[in-house]
C-alpha atoms as a PDB file:
ATOM      1  CA  MET A   1      -7.741   4.261  -3.327  1.00  0.00           C
ATOM      2  CA  ASN A   2      -5.962   6.626  -6.177  1.00  0.00           C
ATOM      3  CA  LYS A   3      -2.503   5.314  -7.861  1.00  0.00           C
ATOM      4  CA  LEU A   4       0.027   7.953  -7.484  1.00  0.00           C
ATOM      5  CA  TYR A   5       2.759   5.980  -8.725  1.00  0.00           C
ATOM      6  CA  THR A   6       4.528   3.044 -10.545  1.00  0.00           C
ATOM      7  CA  THR A   7       7.997   2.126 -11.161  1.00  0.00           C
ATOM      8  CA  VAL A   8      10.015  -0.859 -13.091  1.00  0.00           C
ATOM      9  CA  MET A   9      13.191  -2.332 -11.838  1.00  0.00           C
ATOM     10  CA  THR A  10      14.479  -5.077 -13.556  1.00  0.00           C
ATOM     11  CA  ASN A  11      17.585  -6.896 -12.692  1.00  0.00           C
ATOM     12  CA  GLU A  12      20.089  -8.827 -14.229  1.00  0.00           C
ATOM     13  CA  GLY A  13      22.315 -11.515 -13.032  1.00  0.00           C
ATOM     14  CA  GLY A  14      20.681 -11.165  -9.310  1.00  0.00           C
ATOM     15  CA  ARG A  15      23.251 -10.608  -6.346  1.00  0.00           C
ATOM     16  CA  GLU A  16      26.096 -10.579  -9.105  1.00  0.00           C
ATOM     17  CA  GLY A  17      24.555  -8.530 -11.555  1.00  0.00           C
ATOM     18  CA  GLN A  18      23.213  -5.250 -12.446  1.00  0.00           C
ATOM     19  CA  VAL A  19      19.800  -3.674 -12.022  1.00  0.00           C
ATOM     20  CA  TRP A  20      17.887  -0.155 -13.851  1.00  0.00           C
ATOM     21  CA  SER A  21      14.820   2.012 -13.969  1.00  0.00           C
ATOM     22  CA  ASN A  22      13.262   1.894 -17.398  1.00  0.00           C
ATOM     23  CA  ASP A  23      14.121   5.266 -17.476  1.00  0.00           C
ATOM     24  CA  LYS A  24      17.894   4.989 -17.020  1.00  0.00           C
ATOM     25  CA  LYS A  25      18.159   6.913 -13.758  1.00  0.00           C
ATOM     26  CA  LEU A  26      19.269   4.590 -11.754  1.00  0.00           C
ATOM     27  CA  ASP A  27      21.431   2.125 -13.064  1.00  0.00           C
ATOM     28  CA  LEU A  28      23.688   0.242 -10.507  1.00  0.00           C
ATOM     29  CA  LYS A  29      25.933  -3.035 -10.316  1.00  0.00           C
ATOM     30  CA  ILE A  30      24.957  -5.323  -7.922  1.00  0.00           C
ATOM     31  CA  THR A  31      26.839  -7.542  -6.136  1.00  0.00           C
ATOM     32  CA  ALA A  32      26.829  -9.250  -2.211  1.00  0.00           C
ATOM     33  CA  PRO A  33      26.876  -7.604   1.054  1.00  0.00           C
ATOM     34  CA  GLY A  34      30.911  -7.711   2.672  1.00  0.00           C
ATOM     35  CA  GLU A  35      33.565  -4.746   2.686  1.00  0.00           C
ATOM     36  CA  GLY A  36      35.590  -3.619  -0.339  1.00  0.00           C
ATOM     37  CA  LYS A  37      33.043  -5.163  -3.505  1.00  0.00           C
ATOM     38  CA  GLU A  38      32.124  -2.519  -5.920  1.00  0.00           C
ATOM     39  CA  GLY A  39      28.597  -1.628  -6.256  1.00  0.00           C
ATOM     40  CA  THR A  40      25.432  -2.083  -3.759  1.00  0.00           C
ATOM     41  CA  ASN A  41      23.353  -4.390  -2.809  1.00  0.00           C
ATOM     42  CA  PRO A  42      19.190  -5.033  -2.458  1.00  0.00           C
ATOM     43  CA  GLU A  43      20.240  -4.521   1.589  1.00  0.00           C
ATOM     44  CA  GLN A  44      21.523  -1.086   0.986  1.00  0.00           C
ATOM     45  CA  LEU A  45      18.610  -0.770  -1.866  1.00  0.00           C
ATOM     46  CA  PHE A  46      16.363  -1.053   0.504  1.00  0.00           C
ATOM     47  CA  ALA A  47      17.738   1.192   3.313  1.00  0.00           C
ATOM     48  CA  ALA A  48      17.633   3.592   0.749  1.00  0.00           C
ATOM     49  CA  GLY A  49      14.460   3.736   0.550  1.00  0.00           C
ATOM     50  CA  TYR A  50      13.008   2.800   3.640  1.00  0.00           C
ATOM     51  CA  ALA A  51      14.246   5.664   5.344  1.00  0.00           C
ATOM     52  CA  SER A  52      13.649   7.922   2.643  1.00  0.00           C
ATOM     53  CA  CYS A  53       9.930   6.558   2.766  1.00  0.00           C
ATOM     54  CA  PHE A  54       9.928   7.186   6.870  1.00  0.00           C
ATOM     55  CA  ASN A  55      11.227  10.299   6.901  1.00  0.00           C
ATOM     56  CA  SER A  56       8.948  11.306   4.717  1.00  0.00           C
ATOM     57  CA  ALA A  57       6.117   9.796   6.553  1.00  0.00           C
ATOM     58  CA  LEU A  58       7.502  11.384  10.367  1.00  0.00           C
ATOM     59  CA  SER A  59       7.314  15.026   7.890  1.00  0.00           C
ATOM     60  CA  VAL A  60       3.011  14.352   7.502  1.00  0.00           C
ATOM     61  CA  ALA A  61       2.960  13.271  11.026  1.00  0.00           C
ATOM     62  CA  LEU A  62       5.130  16.538  12.297  1.00  0.00           C
ATOM     63  CA  GLU A  63       2.998  18.815  10.318  1.00  0.00           C
ATOM     64  CA  GLN A  64       0.160  17.091  11.916  1.00  0.00           C
ATOM     65  CA  GLY A  65       1.379  17.993  15.228  1.00  0.00           C
ATOM     66  CA  ASN A  66       2.370  21.425  14.119  1.00  0.00           C
ATOM     67  CA  VAL A  67       6.467  20.356  15.063  1.00  0.00           C
ATOM     68  CA  SER A  68       8.499  22.358  12.638  1.00  0.00           C
ATOM     69  CA  GLY A  69      11.749  20.247  14.168  1.00  0.00           C
ATOM     70  CA  LYS A  70      14.218  19.162  10.959  1.00  0.00           C
ATOM     71  CA  SER A  71      14.640  15.445  11.083  1.00  0.00           C
ATOM     72  CA  THR A  72      16.699  12.633  10.274  1.00  0.00           C
ATOM     73  CA  ILE A  73      16.068   8.186   9.893  1.00  0.00           C
ATOM     74  CA  ARG A  74      18.852   6.212   9.875  1.00  0.00           C
ATOM     75  CA  ALA A  75      17.802   2.740   8.014  1.00  0.00           C
ATOM     76  CA  GLU A  76      20.054  -0.576   9.496  1.00  0.00           C
ATOM     77  CA  VAL A  77      19.153  -3.851   6.984  1.00  0.00           C
ATOM     78  CA  SER A  78      20.470  -6.382   8.408  1.00  0.00           C
ATOM     79  CA  LEU A  79      20.672  -9.608   6.867  1.00  0.00           C
ATOM     80  CA  PHE A  80      20.120 -13.244   8.261  1.00  0.00           C
ATOM     81  CA  GLN A  81      20.135 -16.431   7.566  1.00  0.00           C
ATOM     82  CA  GLY A  82      18.776 -19.529   8.484  1.00  0.00           C
ATOM     83  CA  ASP A  83      19.051 -23.510   8.088  1.00  0.00           C
ATOM     84  CA  GLY A  84      19.394 -24.048   4.541  1.00  0.00           C
ATOM     85  CA  PRO A  85      17.739 -20.888   2.006  1.00  0.00           C
ATOM     86  CA  ASP A  86      16.502 -20.063   4.750  1.00  0.00           C
ATOM     87  CA  PHE A  87      17.139 -16.239   4.689  1.00  0.00           C
ATOM     88  CA  LYS A  88      15.333 -13.413   6.595  1.00  0.00           C
ATOM     89  CA  ILE A  89      16.083  -9.493   6.591  1.00  0.00           C
ATOM     90  CA  ALA A  90      15.600  -7.075   9.931  1.00  0.00           C
ATOM     91  CA  VAL A  91      15.469  -3.532  10.051  1.00  0.00           C
ATOM     92  CA  LYS A  92      15.695  -0.367  13.120  1.00  0.00           C
ATOM     93  CA  LEU A  93      14.455   2.945  12.048  1.00  0.00           C
ATOM     94  CA  ILE A  94      17.381   5.486  14.246  1.00  0.00           C
ATOM     95  CA  GLY A  95      15.412   8.670  14.341  1.00  0.00           C
ATOM     96  CA  HIS A  96      16.364  12.085  15.151  1.00  0.00           C
ATOM     97  CA  ILE A  97      13.549  15.405  15.418  1.00  0.00           C
ATOM     98  CA  ASP A  98      15.430  19.069  16.357  1.00  0.00           C
ATOM     99  CA  GLY A  99      13.711  20.324  18.926  1.00  0.00           C
ATOM    100  CA  LEU A 100      12.984  17.115  20.644  1.00  0.00           C
ATOM    101  CA  ASP A 101      13.442  14.827  23.596  1.00  0.00           C
ATOM    102  CA  LYS A 102      13.400  11.167  22.628  1.00  0.00           C
ATOM    103  CA  GLN A 103      10.147  10.527  24.502  1.00  0.00           C
ATOM    104  CA  GLU A 104       8.421  12.870  22.418  1.00  0.00           C
ATOM    105  CA  ALA A 105      10.587  11.821  18.346  1.00  0.00           C
ATOM    106  CA  ALA A 106       9.299   8.272  19.825  1.00  0.00           C
ATOM    107  CA  LYS A 107       5.216   9.832  19.564  1.00  0.00           C
ATOM    108  CA  TYR A 108       6.514  10.737  16.555  1.00  0.00           C
ATOM    109  CA  MET A 109       8.286   8.415  15.022  1.00  0.00           C
ATOM    110  CA  GLN A 110       5.363   5.933  16.021  1.00  0.00           C
ATOM    111  CA  ILE A 111       2.445   8.160  13.971  1.00  0.00           C
ATOM    112  CA  ALA A 112       5.245   7.835  10.892  1.00  0.00           C
ATOM    113  CA  HIS A 113       5.222   4.209  11.307  1.00  0.00           C
ATOM    114  CA  GLN A 114       1.228   3.587  10.921  1.00  0.00           C
ATOM    115  CA  ILE A 115       1.921   6.294   7.871  1.00  0.00           C
ATOM    116  CA  CYS A 116       4.664   4.706   5.651  1.00  0.00           C
ATOM    117  CA  PRO A 117       4.026   2.368   3.351  1.00  0.00           C
ATOM    118  CA  TYR A 118       7.104   0.742   3.680  1.00  0.00           C
ATOM    119  CA  SER A 119       5.734  -0.297   7.229  1.00  0.00           C
ATOM    120  CA  LYS A 120       2.651  -1.026   6.177  1.00  0.00           C
ATOM    121  CA  ALA A 121       4.950  -3.519   3.622  1.00  0.00           C
ATOM    122  CA  THR A 122       7.280  -5.893   5.955  1.00  0.00           C
ATOM    123  CA  SER A 123       4.403  -5.432   9.459  1.00  0.00           C
ATOM    124  CA  GLY A 124       4.477  -9.226   9.994  1.00  0.00           C
ATOM    125  CA  ASN A 125       6.979  -9.383   7.578  1.00  0.00           C
ATOM    126  CA  VAL A 126       9.457  -8.474   8.493  1.00  0.00           C
ATOM    127  CA  ASP A 127      10.752  -7.113  12.607  1.00  0.00           C
ATOM    128  CA  VAL A 128      11.648  -3.339  11.904  1.00  0.00           C
ATOM    129  CA  GLU A 129      12.522  -1.285  15.753  1.00  0.00           C
ATOM    130  CA  LEU A 130      12.018   2.289  16.521  1.00  0.00           C
ATOM    131  CA  VAL A 131      14.582   4.015  17.751  1.00  0.00           C
ATOM    132  CA  THR A 132      15.518   7.737  18.194  1.00  0.00           C
ATOM    133  CA  GLU A 133      18.469   9.966  19.154  1.00  0.00           C
END
């Protein structure tokens, strides 16, 4: 495979710190999840990346199927804690494709799930549920 892109993000302070890209296009305050806190959290960042990447993969799947409907993906990322320092995330990807019924949209979401780098990276590690609206 040809490497298409590499990015670097740096964090200081963990969940109560700062994260930035080397080019400074992204520079964010990081906080633990919770209402009324300034900043974002790792789960929001993961959800943003997964939704964007999955929707791009879905666009490829739709193009291959000669489908021109606009697609929307909403990623819900949940953080779980087991006993002690045992943490896990789970993802629900909710998709809508203009002009397709739920069954047809689900078919293209399954194809996108096979294409998406985030889906490949999470396979076997993170529970990912695909839902159509």
